[in-house]
């Protein structure tokens, strides 16, 4: 049932149309300041959007790496693959390119991240490096703390060695590795929440 409320034409009503008012743009120096603030706000918005998009992509990459581990996990090498005769071979980081175009049957923690990002050719790409930053953070830092991005090259190599040593520990299991990757996904979510909160706090501060 539809209820209609009718107003008699001879009865005053508060429902008269409201004209929209816009604040006129200031001119001169004040206008330049306004436009400068608008450009800065727009630039911040683009940066925040780009950061959130990257973190969402990294979260997806880590989820794919977890699928790689679930299908086959190995130690003491980056990849396990089938050669032309159907035999299982292992490839270290130095021989990672041997895996290109061959069926993958297993990967270690670092190898799974590399493979999920596109394979051995992507090993030095930013998505791989940033994803490994998240994985190392999940391993070595209290969950909820900010991620320290872009470490020096020697520091980053040391972190890769940390992840490799952790993967190759005698007591390690595939479940442990998948769990660490899942924690790294949560780290990406925490970082996204932190960026959104920081942007909201900045917008709340009067210009």
Protein backbone atom coordinates (compact mmCIF):
# COMPACT_ATOMS: atom_id res chain seq x y z
CA UNK A 1 0.00 0.00 0.00
CA UNK A 2 1.27 3.47 -0.92
CA UNK A 3 0.47 6.39 1.36
CA UNK A 4 0.30 9.84 -0.15
CA UNK A 5 0.50 13.10 1.78
CA UNK A 6 -1.27 15.89 -0.08
CA UNK A 7 -0.83 19.57 0.82
CA UNK A 8 -3.74 21.91 0.12
CA UNK A 9 -2.82 24.77 -2.18
CA UNK A 10 -4.07 27.35 0.29
CA UNK A 11 -1.97 26.05 3.18
CA UNK A 12 1.54 27.39 3.81
CA UNK A 13 4.19 24.68 3.59
CA UNK A 14 7.87 24.47 4.42
CA UNK A 15 8.42 22.28 1.37
CA UNK A 16 9.38 25.12 -0.94
CA UNK A 17 12.38 24.34 -3.15
CA UNK A 18 15.74 25.16 -1.62
CA UNK A 19 18.21 26.88 -3.87
CA UNK A 20 21.65 25.37 -3.88
CA UNK A 21 24.33 27.83 -2.98
CA UNK A 22 27.95 27.52 -3.94
CA UNK A 23 30.84 29.31 -2.34
CA UNK A 24 32.33 31.67 -4.91
CA UNK A 25 35.96 31.06 -5.73
CA UNK A 26 38.36 33.54 -4.24
CA UNK A 27 40.64 35.48 -6.53
CA UNK A 28 44.17 36.73 -6.30
CA UNK A 29 46.53 35.28 -3.72
CA UNK A 30 43.72 33.59 -1.78
CA UNK A 31 42.53 31.88 -4.95
CA UNK A 32 46.03 30.62 -5.66
CA UNK A 33 46.23 29.22 -2.11
CA UNK A 34 42.87 27.47 -2.55
CA UNK A 35 43.95 25.89 -5.84
CA UNK A 36 47.26 24.84 -4.30
CA UNK A 37 45.45 23.08 -1.45
CA UNK A 38 43.09 21.40 -3.91
CA UNK A 39 45.99 20.10 -6.02
CA UNK A 40 47.78 18.77 -2.95
CA UNK A 41 44.60 17.07 -1.72
CA UNK A 42 44.07 15.49 -5.14
CA UNK A 43 47.69 14.28 -5.24
CA UNK A 44 47.32 12.76 -1.76
CA UNK A 45 44.14 11.03 -2.88
CA UNK A 46 45.92 9.53 -5.88
CA UNK A 47 48.81 8.33 -3.69
CA UNK A 48 46.45 6.72 -1.20
CA UNK A 49 44.52 5.01 -4.01
CA UNK A 50 47.77 3.71 -5.54
CA UNK A 51 49.03 2.40 -2.19
CA UNK A 52 45.75 0.62 -1.47
CA UNK A 53 45.70 -0.89 -4.97
CA UNK A 54 49.26 -2.17 -4.54
CA UNK A 55 48.48 -3.73 -1.16
CA UNK A 56 45.38 -5.42 -2.56
CA UNK A 57 47.51 -6.81 -5.40
CA UNK A 58 50.15 -8.05 -2.93
CA UNK A 59 47.48 -9.70 -0.81
CA UNK A 60 46.25 -11.54 -3.92
CA UNK A 61 49.83 -12.52 -4.84
CA UNK A 62 50.42 -13.99 -1.37
CA UNK A 63 47.17 -15.93 -1.60
CA UNK A 64 48.35 -17.38 -4.92
CA UNK A 65 51.69 -18.27 -3.31
CA UNK A 66 49.78 -20.14 -0.62
CA UNK A 67 48.03 -22.13 -3.36
CA UNK A 68 51.45 -23.01 -4.83
CA UNK A 69 52.61 -24.34 -1.44
CA UNK A 70 49.38 -26.29 -1.00
CA UNK A 71 50.03 -28.07 -4.31
CA UNK A 72 53.63 -28.93 -3.47
CA UNK A 73 56.19 -27.71 -0.97
CA UNK A 74 59.93 -28.41 -0.94
CA UNK A 75 63.06 -27.61 1.03
CA UNK A 76 66.68 -26.86 0.05
CA UNK A 77 65.71 -25.53 -3.39
CA UNK A 78 63.42 -22.89 -4.82
CA UNK A 79 61.52 -25.04 -7.30
CA UNK A 80 60.83 -28.66 -8.20
CA UNK A 81 59.79 -29.30 -11.82
CA UNK A 82 59.46 -32.03 -14.41
CA UNK A 83 62.14 -32.22 -17.09
CA UNK A 84 61.64 -33.36 -20.69
CA UNK A 85 61.70 -37.02 -19.60
CA UNK A 86 59.17 -36.53 -16.81
CA UNK A 87 61.76 -36.73 -14.06
CA UNK A 88 61.52 -34.44 -11.03
CA UNK A 89 64.34 -31.92 -10.86
CA UNK A 90 65.12 -29.24 -8.30
CA UNK A 91 66.35 -25.75 -9.07
CA UNK A 92 68.08 -23.37 -6.68
CA UNK A 93 67.84 -19.61 -6.96
CA UNK A 94 70.85 -19.62 -9.30
CA UNK A 95 69.13 -22.07 -11.66
CA UNK A 96 65.62 -20.69 -11.30
CA UNK A 97 65.34 -19.89 -15.01
CA UNK A 98 65.52 -23.62 -15.76
CA UNK A 99 61.93 -23.85 -14.53
CA UNK A 100 60.54 -21.51 -17.19
CA UNK A 101 57.99 -23.33 -19.36
CA UNK A 102 58.17 -26.58 -17.38
CA UNK A 103 55.51 -28.15 -15.15
CA UNK A 104 55.99 -27.07 -11.53
CA UNK A 105 55.55 -29.74 -8.88
CA UNK A 106 56.77 -27.87 -5.80
CA UNK A 107 58.27 -24.67 -4.41
CA UNK A 108 59.76 -23.36 -1.20
CA UNK A 109 58.45 -20.26 0.59
CA UNK A 110 60.43 -17.76 -1.50
CA UNK A 111 60.00 -19.78 -4.68
CA UNK A 112 56.22 -19.84 -4.20
CA UNK A 113 56.13 -16.03 -4.00
CA UNK A 114 58.30 -15.73 -7.14
CA UNK A 115 56.18 -18.24 -9.05
CA UNK A 116 52.92 -16.55 -8.01
CA UNK A 117 54.27 -13.24 -9.33
CA UNK A 118 54.85 -14.69 -12.79
CA UNK A 119 57.75 -17.09 -12.51
CA UNK A 120 61.55 -16.88 -12.39
CA UNK A 121 61.69 -13.88 -14.73
CA UNK A 122 59.83 -11.85 -12.07
CA UNK A 123 62.33 -12.55 -9.30
CA UNK A 124 63.69 -8.98 -9.24
CA UNK A 125 60.34 -7.27 -9.83
CA UNK A 126 58.85 -4.86 -7.32
CA UNK A 127 55.82 -7.09 -6.56
CA UNK A 128 58.13 -9.93 -5.52
CA UNK A 129 60.35 -7.66 -3.42
CA UNK A 130 57.39 -5.99 -1.70
CA UNK A 131 55.65 -9.32 -1.11
CA UNK A 132 58.80 -10.71 0.50
CA UNK A 133 58.94 -7.59 2.70
CA UNK A 134 55.48 -8.56 3.96
CA UNK A 135 56.45 -12.21 4.48
CA UNK A 136 59.60 -11.28 6.40
CA UNK A 137 57.58 -8.85 8.52
CA UNK A 138 55.08 -11.63 9.28
CA UNK A 139 57.97 -13.84 10.39
CA UNK A 140 60.12 -11.42 12.38
CA UNK A 141 57.99 -8.49 13.56
CA UNK A 142 55.03 -8.22 15.91
CA UNK A 143 51.82 -8.36 13.91
CA UNK A 144 50.20 -4.94 13.82
CA UNK A 145 53.47 -2.97 13.71
CA UNK A 146 54.11 -0.84 10.60
CA UNK A 147 56.01 -2.49 7.75
CA UNK A 148 59.46 -1.09 7.00
CA UNK A 149 59.43 -0.92 3.21
CA UNK A 150 62.37 -0.70 0.78
CA UNK A 151 65.31 -1.88 2.90
CA UNK A 152 68.82 -1.58 1.51
CA UNK A 153 69.75 -4.30 -1.02
CA UNK A 154 72.08 -6.12 1.38
CA UNK A 155 69.40 -6.03 4.09
CA UNK A 156 66.82 -7.39 1.69
CA UNK A 157 69.16 -10.22 0.66
CA UNK A 158 69.68 -11.00 4.34
CA UNK A 159 65.92 -11.21 4.78
CA UNK A 160 65.62 -13.62 1.86
CA UNK A 161 68.27 -15.78 3.54
CA UNK A 162 66.24 -15.61 6.77
CA UNK A 163 63.15 -16.83 4.95
CA UNK A 164 65.10 -19.58 3.18
CA UNK A 165 66.67 -20.81 6.43
CA UNK A 166 63.28 -20.79 8.13
CA UNK A 167 61.77 -22.78 5.24
CA UNK A 168 64.59 -25.36 5.37
CA UNK A 169 64.48 -26.00 9.13
CA UNK A 170 64.20 -29.76 9.82
CA UNK A 171 60.98 -29.35 11.81
CA UNK A 172 59.27 -27.12 9.22
CA UNK A 173 56.07 -28.28 7.51
CA UNK A 174 54.01 -27.15 4.54
CA UNK A 175 51.30 -26.11 7.00
CA UNK A 176 53.78 -23.78 8.72
CA UNK A 177 54.67 -22.15 5.42
CA UNK A 178 51.05 -21.70 4.35
CA UNK A 179 50.27 -20.22 7.76
CA UNK A 180 53.10 -17.69 7.44
CA UNK A 181 51.84 -16.62 4.02
CA UNK A 182 48.35 -16.18 5.49
CA UNK A 183 49.82 -14.00 8.24
CA UNK A 184 51.55 -11.93 5.57
CA UNK A 185 48.17 -11.41 3.90
CA UNK A 186 46.85 -10.06 7.20
CA UNK A 187 49.86 -7.74 7.40
CA UNK A 188 48.82 -6.31 4.02
CA UNK A 189 45.32 -5.72 5.38
CA UNK A 190 46.73 -3.99 8.48
CA UNK A 191 48.81 -1.72 6.24
CA UNK A 192 45.74 -0.82 4.19
CA UNK A 193 43.79 0.02 7.34
CA UNK A 194 46.69 2.17 8.57
CA UNK A 195 46.82 4.12 5.29
CA UNK A 196 43.06 4.74 5.33
CA UNK A 197 43.15 5.89 8.97
CA UNK A 198 46.10 8.20 8.32
CA UNK A 199 44.36 9.73 5.29
CA UNK A 200 41.15 10.27 7.28
CA UNK A 201 43.07 11.93 10.11
CA UNK A 202 44.81 14.24 7.65
CA UNK A 203 41.51 15.25 6.05
CA UNK A 204 40.06 16.02 9.49
CA UNK A 205 42.76 18.61 10.16
CA UNK A 206 41.65 22.08 9.01
CA UNK A 207 43.71 23.46 6.13
